[in-house]
Each structure stands twice: as C-alpha cells, then as structure tokens.
N, C-alpha and C. Protein backbone atom coordinates (compact mmCIF):
# COMPACT_ATOMS: atom_id res chain seq x y z
N MET A 1 -92.13 -60.67 -32.66
CA MET A 1 -92.33 -59.93 -33.88
C MET A 1 -92.06 -58.44 -33.66
N LYS A 2 -92.49 -57.92 -32.48
CA LYS A 2 -92.25 -56.51 -32.18
C LYS A 2 -90.76 -56.22 -32.10
N LYS A 3 -89.99 -57.15 -31.54
CA LYS A 3 -88.56 -56.95 -31.41
C LYS A 3 -87.90 -56.88 -32.79
N ILE A 4 -88.35 -57.68 -33.71
CA ILE A 4 -87.79 -57.68 -35.06
C ILE A 4 -88.10 -56.35 -35.75
N ILE A 5 -89.33 -55.89 -35.63
CA ILE A 5 -89.73 -54.62 -36.24
C ILE A 5 -88.95 -53.46 -35.62
N LEU A 6 -88.83 -53.45 -34.29
CA LEU A 6 -88.07 -52.40 -33.62
C LEU A 6 -86.60 -52.44 -34.03
N SER A 7 -86.05 -53.63 -34.18
CA SER A 7 -84.65 -53.76 -34.62
C SER A 7 -84.48 -53.22 -36.04
N LEU A 8 -85.41 -53.54 -36.93
CA LEU A 8 -85.34 -53.05 -38.30
C LEU A 8 -85.47 -51.53 -38.36
N VAL A 9 -86.39 -50.99 -37.55
CA VAL A 9 -86.57 -49.54 -37.50
C VAL A 9 -85.29 -48.88 -36.98
N ALA A 10 -84.68 -49.45 -35.95
CA ALA A 10 -83.44 -48.89 -35.40
C ALA A 10 -82.32 -48.94 -36.42
N ILE A 11 -82.18 -50.05 -37.13
CA ILE A 11 -81.15 -50.17 -38.16
C ILE A 11 -81.40 -49.17 -39.27
N PHE A 12 -82.64 -49.04 -39.69
CA PHE A 12 -82.99 -48.08 -40.73
C PHE A 12 -82.68 -46.65 -40.28
N ALA A 13 -82.99 -46.30 -39.04
CA ALA A 13 -82.70 -44.97 -38.51
C ALA A 13 -81.19 -44.71 -38.48
N ILE A 14 -80.42 -45.69 -38.09
CA ILE A 14 -78.95 -45.54 -38.07
C ILE A 14 -78.42 -45.32 -39.47
N ILE A 15 -78.93 -46.06 -40.43
CA ILE A 15 -78.49 -45.88 -41.82
C ILE A 15 -78.81 -44.48 -42.31
N ILE A 16 -79.99 -43.98 -42.01
CA ILE A 16 -80.38 -42.62 -42.43
C ILE A 16 -79.45 -41.59 -41.78
N ILE A 17 -79.17 -41.74 -40.49
CA ILE A 17 -78.29 -40.79 -39.79
C ILE A 17 -76.90 -40.80 -40.42
N VAL A 18 -76.37 -41.97 -40.70
CA VAL A 18 -75.03 -42.06 -41.31
C VAL A 18 -75.02 -41.40 -42.68
N VAL A 19 -76.04 -41.64 -43.49
CA VAL A 19 -76.10 -41.04 -44.82
C VAL A 19 -76.20 -39.52 -44.74
N VAL A 20 -77.03 -39.00 -43.84
CA VAL A 20 -77.19 -37.55 -43.69
C VAL A 20 -75.90 -36.92 -43.21
N VAL A 21 -75.27 -37.49 -42.20
CA VAL A 21 -74.02 -36.94 -41.68
C VAL A 21 -72.95 -36.97 -42.76
N ARG A 22 -72.87 -38.07 -43.47
CA ARG A 22 -71.85 -38.21 -44.53
C ARG A 22 -72.07 -37.18 -45.64
N SER A 23 -73.32 -36.95 -46.04
CA SER A 23 -73.58 -35.99 -47.12
C SER A 23 -73.38 -34.55 -46.66
N ASN A 24 -73.58 -34.27 -45.38
CA ASN A 24 -73.39 -32.92 -44.86
C ASN A 24 -71.92 -32.54 -44.72
N ARG A 25 -71.03 -33.49 -44.77
CA ARG A 25 -69.61 -33.19 -44.62
C ARG A 25 -69.02 -32.56 -45.87
N GLN A 26 -69.77 -32.50 -46.96
CA GLN A 26 -69.33 -31.86 -48.20
C GLN A 26 -67.97 -32.38 -48.64
N GLU A 27 -67.83 -33.67 -48.63
CA GLU A 27 -66.55 -34.26 -49.01
C GLU A 27 -66.72 -35.10 -50.26
N GLN A 28 -65.62 -35.23 -50.97
CA GLN A 28 -65.59 -36.11 -52.12
C GLN A 28 -64.23 -36.78 -52.15
N ILE A 29 -64.15 -37.90 -52.85
CA ILE A 29 -62.89 -38.62 -52.94
C ILE A 29 -62.27 -38.29 -54.29
N ASP A 30 -61.02 -37.80 -54.27
CA ASP A 30 -60.37 -37.48 -55.53
C ASP A 30 -59.61 -38.70 -56.03
N SER A 31 -59.03 -38.56 -57.23
CA SER A 31 -58.41 -39.71 -57.88
C SER A 31 -57.14 -40.18 -57.19
N ALA A 32 -56.56 -39.39 -56.31
CA ALA A 32 -55.33 -39.77 -55.62
C ALA A 32 -55.61 -40.38 -54.25
N ASN A 33 -56.83 -40.85 -54.02
CA ASN A 33 -57.23 -41.49 -52.76
C ASN A 33 -57.15 -40.55 -51.56
N PHE A 34 -57.54 -39.32 -51.77
CA PHE A 34 -57.67 -38.36 -50.69
C PHE A 34 -59.14 -38.00 -50.52
N VAL A 35 -59.52 -37.69 -49.30
CA VAL A 35 -60.85 -37.16 -49.05
C VAL A 35 -60.71 -35.64 -49.09
N ILE A 36 -61.47 -35.01 -49.98
CA ILE A 36 -61.44 -33.57 -50.15
C ILE A 36 -62.64 -32.98 -49.44
N GLY A 37 -62.41 -31.98 -48.60
CA GLY A 37 -63.50 -31.34 -47.87
C GLY A 37 -63.34 -29.84 -47.86
N GLN A 38 -64.17 -29.19 -47.09
CA GLN A 38 -64.13 -27.73 -46.95
C GLN A 38 -63.62 -27.40 -45.56
N ALA A 39 -62.63 -26.50 -45.47
CA ALA A 39 -62.03 -26.13 -44.19
C ALA A 39 -63.05 -25.45 -43.28
N MET A 40 -62.94 -25.73 -41.98
CA MET A 40 -63.76 -25.05 -40.98
C MET A 40 -63.05 -23.75 -40.61
N VAL A 41 -63.51 -22.65 -41.18
CA VAL A 41 -62.89 -21.34 -40.95
C VAL A 41 -63.60 -20.66 -39.78
N SER A 42 -62.82 -20.26 -38.78
CA SER A 42 -63.42 -19.62 -37.61
C SER A 42 -63.21 -18.11 -37.60
N ASP A 43 -62.15 -17.63 -38.27
CA ASP A 43 -61.90 -16.19 -38.28
C ASP A 43 -61.10 -15.82 -39.51
N ALA A 44 -61.29 -14.59 -39.95
CA ALA A 44 -60.52 -14.06 -41.08
C ALA A 44 -60.41 -12.55 -40.91
N THR A 45 -59.22 -12.04 -41.14
CA THR A 45 -59.01 -10.60 -41.13
C THR A 45 -58.46 -10.20 -42.49
N ILE A 46 -58.76 -8.98 -42.88
CA ILE A 46 -58.31 -8.46 -44.16
C ILE A 46 -57.32 -7.33 -43.89
N ALA A 47 -56.18 -7.40 -44.55
CA ALA A 47 -55.16 -6.37 -44.42
C ALA A 47 -54.86 -5.81 -45.81
N LEU A 48 -54.86 -4.47 -45.91
CA LEU A 48 -54.49 -3.81 -47.16
C LEU A 48 -53.01 -3.45 -47.06
N ARG A 49 -52.21 -4.03 -47.94
CA ARG A 49 -50.76 -3.79 -47.90
C ARG A 49 -50.43 -2.44 -48.51
N GLU A 50 -49.40 -1.84 -48.01
CA GLU A 50 -48.99 -0.50 -48.45
C GLU A 50 -48.19 -0.60 -49.74
N THR A 51 -48.85 -1.02 -50.79
CA THR A 51 -48.28 -1.08 -52.13
C THR A 51 -49.23 -0.33 -53.04
N PHE A 52 -48.81 -0.09 -54.25
CA PHE A 52 -49.77 0.48 -55.19
C PHE A 52 -49.53 -0.15 -56.55
N PRO A 53 -50.54 -0.77 -57.12
CA PRO A 53 -51.88 -0.95 -56.56
C PRO A 53 -51.84 -1.75 -55.25
N VAL A 54 -52.85 -1.53 -54.46
CA VAL A 54 -52.92 -2.13 -53.12
C VAL A 54 -53.15 -3.63 -53.25
N ASP A 55 -52.35 -4.43 -52.49
CA ASP A 55 -52.58 -5.87 -52.37
C ASP A 55 -53.50 -6.11 -51.19
N VAL A 56 -54.44 -7.02 -51.34
CA VAL A 56 -55.38 -7.36 -50.27
C VAL A 56 -55.00 -8.75 -49.75
N MET A 57 -54.66 -8.82 -48.46
CA MET A 57 -54.26 -10.07 -47.83
C MET A 57 -55.35 -10.57 -46.88
N LEU A 58 -55.62 -11.85 -46.93
CA LEU A 58 -56.56 -12.49 -46.01
C LEU A 58 -55.76 -13.35 -45.05
N ASP A 59 -55.91 -13.10 -43.76
CA ASP A 59 -55.32 -13.95 -42.74
C ASP A 59 -56.45 -14.80 -42.17
N VAL A 60 -56.38 -16.09 -42.43
CA VAL A 60 -57.49 -17.00 -42.12
C VAL A 60 -57.04 -18.02 -41.08
N SER A 61 -57.92 -18.28 -40.12
CA SER A 61 -57.64 -19.33 -39.14
C SER A 61 -58.89 -20.20 -38.98
N GLY A 62 -58.64 -21.41 -38.52
CA GLY A 62 -59.73 -22.35 -38.32
C GLY A 62 -59.21 -23.63 -37.72
N THR A 63 -59.97 -24.71 -37.89
CA THR A 63 -59.57 -26.00 -37.34
C THR A 63 -59.77 -27.11 -38.36
N PHE A 64 -58.89 -28.08 -38.29
CA PHE A 64 -59.05 -29.33 -39.03
C PHE A 64 -59.75 -30.32 -38.10
N PRO A 65 -60.54 -31.24 -38.65
CA PRO A 65 -61.28 -32.17 -37.79
C PRO A 65 -60.43 -33.28 -37.17
N ASP A 66 -59.20 -33.46 -37.68
CA ASP A 66 -58.35 -34.53 -37.16
C ASP A 66 -56.89 -34.23 -37.47
N GLY A 67 -56.00 -35.10 -37.01
CA GLY A 67 -54.58 -34.89 -37.16
C GLY A 67 -54.02 -35.20 -38.54
N CYS A 68 -54.80 -35.78 -39.43
CA CYS A 68 -54.31 -36.12 -40.78
C CYS A 68 -54.72 -35.08 -41.82
N THR A 69 -55.70 -34.28 -41.53
CA THR A 69 -56.22 -33.33 -42.50
C THR A 69 -55.25 -32.15 -42.64
N GLU A 70 -55.10 -31.68 -43.87
CA GLU A 70 -54.24 -30.54 -44.15
C GLU A 70 -54.91 -29.65 -45.19
N LEU A 71 -54.33 -28.47 -45.40
CA LEU A 71 -54.88 -27.57 -46.41
C LEU A 71 -54.78 -28.20 -47.79
N GLY A 72 -55.83 -28.02 -48.55
CA GLY A 72 -55.85 -28.47 -49.93
C GLY A 72 -55.80 -27.27 -50.85
N ASP A 73 -56.56 -27.31 -51.92
CA ASP A 73 -56.59 -26.21 -52.88
C ASP A 73 -57.34 -25.01 -52.31
N ILE A 74 -56.91 -23.83 -52.75
CA ILE A 74 -57.60 -22.59 -52.42
C ILE A 74 -58.09 -22.02 -53.74
N ILE A 75 -59.40 -21.96 -53.90
CA ILE A 75 -60.00 -21.56 -55.17
C ILE A 75 -60.63 -20.18 -55.00
N GLN A 76 -60.22 -19.24 -55.86
CA GLN A 76 -60.75 -17.88 -55.78
C GLN A 76 -61.56 -17.58 -57.04
N THR A 77 -62.75 -17.05 -56.83
CA THR A 77 -63.60 -16.62 -57.94
C THR A 77 -64.23 -15.29 -57.55
N ARG A 78 -64.89 -14.70 -58.52
CA ARG A 78 -65.62 -13.45 -58.25
C ARG A 78 -66.98 -13.56 -58.90
N ASP A 79 -68.01 -13.33 -58.10
CA ASP A 79 -69.39 -13.36 -58.60
C ASP A 79 -69.60 -12.10 -59.42
N GLU A 80 -69.76 -12.27 -60.72
CA GLU A 80 -69.89 -11.11 -61.62
C GLU A 80 -71.19 -10.33 -61.38
N THR A 81 -72.20 -10.98 -60.85
CA THR A 81 -73.47 -10.30 -60.59
C THR A 81 -73.38 -9.38 -59.38
N THR A 82 -72.84 -9.90 -58.28
CA THR A 82 -72.79 -9.13 -57.03
C THR A 82 -71.45 -8.44 -56.82
N GLY A 83 -70.41 -8.88 -57.52
CA GLY A 83 -69.07 -8.33 -57.32
C GLY A 83 -68.36 -8.94 -56.13
N GLU A 84 -69.00 -9.88 -55.44
CA GLU A 84 -68.44 -10.50 -54.25
C GLU A 84 -67.27 -11.42 -54.62
N PHE A 85 -66.19 -11.33 -53.84
CA PHE A 85 -65.08 -12.25 -53.98
C PHE A 85 -65.43 -13.52 -53.20
N VAL A 86 -65.16 -14.68 -53.79
CA VAL A 86 -65.45 -15.95 -53.14
C VAL A 86 -64.14 -16.74 -53.04
N VAL A 87 -63.77 -17.10 -51.81
CA VAL A 87 -62.56 -17.88 -51.57
C VAL A 87 -62.98 -19.20 -50.94
N LEU A 88 -62.71 -20.30 -51.63
CA LEU A 88 -63.03 -21.63 -51.13
C LEU A 88 -61.73 -22.29 -50.69
N ILE A 89 -61.64 -22.57 -49.39
CA ILE A 89 -60.46 -23.23 -48.84
C ILE A 89 -60.82 -24.69 -48.62
N GLN A 90 -60.15 -25.55 -49.37
CA GLN A 90 -60.41 -26.98 -49.27
C GLN A 90 -59.39 -27.65 -48.37
N THR A 91 -59.76 -28.84 -47.91
CA THR A 91 -58.86 -29.67 -47.13
C THR A 91 -58.69 -31.00 -47.83
N LYS A 92 -57.65 -31.71 -47.44
CA LYS A 92 -57.49 -33.08 -47.94
C LYS A 92 -56.86 -33.93 -46.84
N ARG A 93 -57.22 -35.20 -46.87
CA ARG A 93 -56.62 -36.16 -45.95
C ARG A 93 -56.62 -37.52 -46.64
N PRO A 94 -55.65 -38.36 -46.33
CA PRO A 94 -55.60 -39.69 -46.95
C PRO A 94 -56.87 -40.48 -46.64
N LEU A 95 -57.35 -41.18 -47.65
CA LEU A 95 -58.62 -41.90 -47.55
C LEU A 95 -58.65 -42.93 -46.43
N ASP A 96 -57.64 -43.76 -46.33
CA ASP A 96 -57.67 -44.87 -45.36
C ASP A 96 -56.81 -44.61 -44.13
N ALA A 97 -56.48 -43.36 -43.85
CA ALA A 97 -55.59 -43.05 -42.73
C ALA A 97 -56.31 -43.20 -41.40
N MET A 98 -55.57 -43.69 -40.41
CA MET A 98 -56.05 -43.73 -39.03
C MET A 98 -55.54 -42.44 -38.38
N CYS A 99 -56.45 -41.56 -38.02
CA CYS A 99 -56.07 -40.22 -37.58
C CYS A 99 -56.49 -39.96 -36.14
N THR A 100 -55.74 -39.08 -35.48
CA THR A 100 -56.15 -38.65 -34.16
C THR A 100 -57.46 -37.89 -34.30
N GLN A 101 -58.37 -38.12 -33.42
CA GLN A 101 -59.68 -37.48 -33.48
C GLN A 101 -59.72 -36.26 -32.57
N ALA A 102 -58.82 -35.33 -32.83
CA ALA A 102 -58.76 -34.09 -32.07
C ALA A 102 -58.65 -32.93 -33.05
N LEU A 103 -59.32 -31.84 -32.74
CA LEU A 103 -59.25 -30.67 -33.61
C LEU A 103 -57.82 -30.12 -33.64
N VAL A 104 -57.40 -29.70 -34.83
CA VAL A 104 -56.06 -29.16 -35.02
C VAL A 104 -56.21 -27.76 -35.63
N ASP A 105 -55.64 -26.76 -34.96
CA ASP A 105 -55.72 -25.39 -35.46
C ASP A 105 -54.87 -25.21 -36.71
N PHE A 106 -55.33 -24.32 -37.60
CA PHE A 106 -54.51 -23.94 -38.75
C PHE A 106 -54.63 -22.44 -38.96
N GLN A 107 -53.65 -21.90 -39.64
CA GLN A 107 -53.65 -20.48 -40.01
C GLN A 107 -52.95 -20.37 -41.34
N THR A 108 -53.48 -19.53 -42.23
CA THR A 108 -52.86 -19.32 -43.53
C THR A 108 -53.12 -17.90 -44.00
N SER A 109 -52.25 -17.42 -44.87
CA SER A 109 -52.42 -16.10 -45.48
C SER A 109 -52.64 -16.28 -46.97
N ILE A 110 -53.57 -15.53 -47.51
CA ILE A 110 -53.94 -15.65 -48.92
C ILE A 110 -53.98 -14.26 -49.53
N MET A 111 -53.30 -14.07 -50.67
CA MET A 111 -53.41 -12.80 -51.38
C MET A 111 -54.66 -12.88 -52.26
N LEU A 112 -55.57 -11.96 -52.06
CA LEU A 112 -56.80 -11.93 -52.84
C LEU A 112 -56.48 -11.51 -54.27
N GLN A 113 -56.91 -12.29 -55.22
CA GLN A 113 -56.63 -12.03 -56.62
C GLN A 113 -57.77 -11.21 -57.24
N GLY A 114 -57.41 -10.42 -58.25
CA GLY A 114 -58.42 -9.68 -58.99
C GLY A 114 -58.77 -8.32 -58.41
N THR A 115 -57.92 -7.77 -57.56
CA THR A 115 -58.23 -6.47 -56.94
C THR A 115 -57.60 -5.30 -57.69
N GLU A 116 -56.60 -5.56 -58.51
CA GLU A 116 -55.96 -4.48 -59.25
C GLU A 116 -56.94 -3.91 -60.28
N GLY A 117 -57.02 -2.59 -60.32
CA GLY A 117 -57.90 -1.93 -61.28
C GLY A 117 -59.31 -1.68 -60.78
N LEU A 118 -59.62 -2.08 -59.55
CA LEU A 118 -60.97 -1.86 -59.02
C LEU A 118 -61.18 -0.39 -58.66
N PRO A 119 -62.38 0.13 -58.88
CA PRO A 119 -62.67 1.50 -58.47
C PRO A 119 -62.83 1.58 -56.95
N ALA A 120 -62.76 2.81 -56.43
CA ALA A 120 -62.98 3.02 -55.00
C ALA A 120 -64.35 2.47 -54.61
N GLY A 121 -64.43 1.92 -53.40
CA GLY A 121 -65.71 1.39 -52.93
C GLY A 121 -65.50 0.26 -51.94
N GLU A 122 -66.62 -0.28 -51.45
CA GLU A 122 -66.59 -1.39 -50.50
C GLU A 122 -66.78 -2.70 -51.25
N TYR A 123 -66.02 -3.71 -50.84
CA TYR A 123 -66.07 -5.02 -51.49
C TYR A 123 -66.27 -6.10 -50.45
N MET A 124 -67.10 -7.08 -50.79
CA MET A 124 -67.39 -8.21 -49.90
C MET A 124 -66.53 -9.40 -50.30
N VAL A 125 -66.10 -10.15 -49.27
CA VAL A 125 -65.32 -11.36 -49.48
C VAL A 125 -65.97 -12.48 -48.67
N ARG A 126 -66.28 -13.60 -49.34
CA ARG A 126 -66.80 -14.77 -48.63
C ARG A 126 -65.69 -15.82 -48.61
N ILE A 127 -65.31 -16.21 -47.39
CA ILE A 127 -64.27 -17.21 -47.20
C ILE A 127 -64.96 -18.42 -46.59
N ASN A 128 -65.20 -19.44 -47.41
CA ASN A 128 -66.04 -20.57 -47.05
C ASN A 128 -67.38 -20.03 -46.56
N ASP A 129 -67.71 -20.13 -45.29
CA ASP A 129 -69.00 -19.64 -44.80
C ASP A 129 -68.90 -18.34 -44.02
N LEU A 130 -67.77 -17.66 -44.12
CA LEU A 130 -67.51 -16.45 -43.34
C LEU A 130 -67.48 -15.25 -44.28
N ASN A 131 -68.15 -14.16 -43.90
CA ASN A 131 -68.19 -12.95 -44.74
C ASN A 131 -67.39 -11.83 -44.10
N ARG A 132 -66.61 -11.15 -44.92
CA ARG A 132 -65.83 -9.99 -44.50
C ARG A 132 -65.91 -8.95 -45.61
N SER A 133 -65.48 -7.72 -45.31
CA SER A 133 -65.48 -6.67 -46.33
C SER A 133 -64.23 -5.81 -46.18
N PHE A 134 -63.91 -5.11 -47.26
CA PHE A 134 -62.81 -4.14 -47.23
C PHE A 134 -63.20 -2.96 -48.10
N MET A 135 -62.47 -1.85 -47.93
CA MET A 135 -62.81 -0.61 -48.61
C MET A 135 -61.58 -0.04 -49.29
N PHE A 136 -61.76 0.37 -50.55
CA PHE A 136 -60.75 1.17 -51.25
C PHE A 136 -61.24 2.61 -51.21
N ASP A 137 -60.45 3.50 -50.62
CA ASP A 137 -60.82 4.91 -50.56
C ASP A 137 -60.60 5.60 -51.91
N ILE A 138 -59.66 5.08 -52.68
CA ILE A 138 -59.40 5.60 -54.02
C ILE A 138 -59.34 4.43 -54.99
N ASP A 139 -59.40 4.73 -56.27
CA ASP A 139 -59.31 3.67 -57.27
C ASP A 139 -58.00 2.91 -57.09
N ASN A 140 -58.07 1.60 -57.26
CA ASN A 140 -56.89 0.75 -57.08
C ASN A 140 -56.23 0.46 -58.42
N ARG A 141 -55.88 1.53 -59.11
CA ARG A 141 -55.22 1.36 -60.41
C ARG A 141 -54.19 2.46 -60.59
N VAL A 142 -53.18 2.13 -61.34
CA VAL A 142 -52.14 3.10 -61.66
C VAL A 142 -52.67 3.98 -62.79
N SER A 143 -52.59 5.27 -62.59
CA SER A 143 -53.10 6.22 -63.56
C SER A 143 -52.13 6.36 -64.71
N ASP A 144 -52.67 6.64 -65.89
CA ASP A 144 -51.84 6.92 -67.06
C ASP A 144 -51.33 8.36 -67.03
N PHE A 145 -51.86 9.15 -66.12
CA PHE A 145 -51.49 10.56 -66.02
C PHE A 145 -50.07 10.69 -65.49
N ASP A 146 -49.25 11.42 -66.15
CA ASP A 146 -47.87 11.67 -65.72
C ASP A 146 -47.76 13.12 -65.26
N PRO A 147 -47.61 13.39 -63.97
CA PRO A 147 -47.59 14.76 -63.47
C PRO A 147 -46.36 15.55 -63.92
N LEU A 148 -45.35 14.88 -64.44
CA LEU A 148 -44.13 15.56 -64.88
C LEU A 148 -44.21 16.06 -66.31
N LYS A 149 -45.25 15.75 -67.01
CA LYS A 149 -45.38 16.18 -68.41
C LYS A 149 -46.26 17.41 -68.51
C-alpha cells in the first residue's frame, strides 16, 4: 500500500513540475501550428544615428532554446504613464518539429519607433526583460523656425 501511495505522489509531483515548467515558458500555439514564445535576450545596445530627427537603433543579441526556433514578431509599444518604450521580441518554432537541443545565438537590429518629436531628456527602453536607456541632449524634432527668413 505504501508503494502505491508513493507512486501516486511521485506521479502527481511530476505532473505539477511539468505544468509549472510549461506555464513558465510563456508560450502559446498560434493558428499556423507554431509555438510562439519570448526571446531570451542577453544584451542590447542603443545607438543614436546621425540623422535629424535622430533615429534610435537597438542592437539586440540573445539565444534561441533550440535549432528550430527563429525570430517572430517584434512588437513595440510605449507606456503612456511612465513614457517607457517597450519592445517585445517573440520567437516561433514549428509545433511538431524535432529540433536540436542546443542553444543558438541570434542578433538583430531594431529601429525604435515613436522617437521623432520627443523633447530633450532621458528615455527608458525595456527589451523583453532587459532595461536600457538613452538621452536626447536636444529636442528630437525639426523646428518650424527658418533662419534664412
């Protein structure tokens, strides 16, 4: 009887572990039979391009969990309360694919949207779980003032 109870407890514990691990992966299945997840971002640098208005570029690197995963959608929003830019980098991989179980490095560049017209100041950017900031020393907008008039 003890063996049966211990076996049931072990099976129950395994089920709980599988459910917790599965829910922590933040993945969902989309209608095209892909598993959609969130990219593991390890580093990001911000570069201000020498244009006017200034373009803000994010150079992002990280790892995919296997050989089948690739970049998915990149969703950019701005928190109107805090002014923080939020960049969500998603991944996708075929649902039933047999994949190599080795980390695969990735790197991508993203132009940050919504920076034109911002006043001078410091701005925060959240890229998945990574936080970075950049500074505009002057307003990032073209003036209506014409010095030739």
